[in-house]
Amino acid sequence: MRSRILFQFISRRSISLNTRPKTAIKLGQPTYETRPHIIPKPGNLTPGISALEYFQRRLRLASKLPDNSLAIIIGNTTQFSSGSVFYDFQQDNDFYYLTGWLEPDSIMVLEKKGNKGNDDDVVLHMLVPPKNEQRELWEGAKTGLDGAVEFFNADSVEDVGKASTYIRSLVQSSKMIYYDNKYAEKPKYKSAFSSFFNFGGGGSDKWTGLNDIILGSGKPVSPLSSVVASLRKIKSPAEIEVMHAAGQISSRAINKAIGQVGSTDPIATEKTLAKYLEYQFVRGGCDKQAYIPVVASGSNALTIHYTRNDDLLYRDELVFVDAGGKLGGYCADISRTWPNSTKGFSEPQRDLYEAVLNTNKKCIELCNESLGYSLHDIHEYSVTSLKTELQNITGFQNLSKIDVSRYLYPHYIGHHLGLDLHDVPSISRFEKLVEGNVITIEPGLYIPEDDRWPKHFQGIGIRVEDDVVVGEANDEIINLTSGCVKEIVDIESLINGGVTTPGIDDELVVLDI
């Protein structure tokens, strides 16, 4: 199994922060032209991903569609928590995967005309908010219609405010539509464009909104997400490089957190540790954290998705963390468990940790296309492995596989990973893994506070999770999170010696993937 470093960091010293360079270009998201420290490579549209790759993704999607068909994706709108307080915007990931477009209130239509051999056989239509001086005074620059053509390679653009007329015309001239109805329920709070996306306010006109136009067109409508999922489940080399960068940045952050245990100022609360990790993800080069993390001290780790993160970190307990950063839209997902003491693991903690770690490493070795395993096959192997490992520990000799899966290991071995944390969930767990799949391997043990189990093991929760690229053969498996320590000797060394890597505390200013 190989582990490659696929990215490099350029330090702050390589650019000057004394004076902002002049540019007349203003867009609604980072590009090489506006934020070269985030996208330093000409031709890339988002971090690590080129405009050409986005174009090729659309061509691959079109190859799966019949002639004279449309693939329609209505992008996400800004969501509000209360009043005018909005959540961090998250684009529809299928929309993002096909265009790289990150602004809200937008629509993309991929039209396959069926003019075989002609350059205009596949047409990207984008309907986006126009540039608006008053709105941009409050919200910042927008890319606008011209930018959608010039930077995102749209073939045809229109003001999203004219979506009803534009979409109706395309639908009427097509024979087949691929579309996911995500807007059956009305949102609690409306955006400026919600009447176009959520289709009116109860009027009698059946063409009031886009849902009615598409679903009431009389044309056959099939789900689009499953077709896009067939593309997204196999990552390109560029995607793997971005995910490796996210994994290694996240690994360094977690290593630094482990190194705080033996410091002169150890972290004392779950909440502080959660925020420390989020800060280190961003300082290290990620855009943000990929999800609300699990930071669990002691028996809190028995709750699989514990996200309260509001307890104290007691010195005689284990700390369990499930966290990761997000870079260019791609997620890292890492779980690690370590003792919150300079004394290291206690004997019961060590015994259970070794059982989980051994299973983690054995399962990673199965991420090999030539073996013909599915994710479900690896899960079944993980249950057997944990049972075997536990039978070597006093008090667990008479376990059955049912005991393990029902009481001690109640979750699955892993999931696909990518733009979504649980990527392309429509892909069956029984489907054979192939080269380019990226999956998590995350066995765990959680000993209930129940006298059915030996007293000194009760309340211990452990998980060891890595992000793994499936290889064609064993030596082509890539562990994207190999930089995050997990061997007992390495964890205890980090606790007592801290992180000493040169430059570990430097803020990443220029990202070069």
Foldseek 3Di string as FASTA:
>chain_A
DDADQLFDFDFPVVDDPPDDDDDPDFADDDDCRRACLQVVDPQCGFRLHGLVVLVVLLVVLLVVDDAQEKEKDQWAAWAAPDDPHTDDDDIDVLVCSNFVDRDHGKMWMWHQHPPPPDPVRIAIEIAEAAFDVVVCVPVNHHCGFVNCCPRRVHPHYHHSVCVLVVVLVSQLRGQEYAYDPPQPDQGPDDDPNSQAVNPHDPDPDQSSYDVSSNVVVPHHYHHDLLSSLVVVQFADPSQLNQLLLQQAQLQLQVLQLLLQLQDPDHDWFLVVSQVSSQVSSVLSPFPTKQDQKDWDWFLCVLPVGRRPRGGTHDQATKIWIWTTGHHSLFTFTWIFIWHSYLVTDDPLRVLQLVLQVVLLVVLLLVLALVVQAFQVNSQVVSLVSSLVSQCVPPFSVPDDSCCCCPAWWVDGQKAFTTSHRRGPVVDDSRHTRDARRKMKGKTKTAADCDVNGDNVNHRHIGIGMWIWGRYNGSVRIYTSNVSRDRDRVVSSCCHNPNDDPPPSPGGRRRTTD
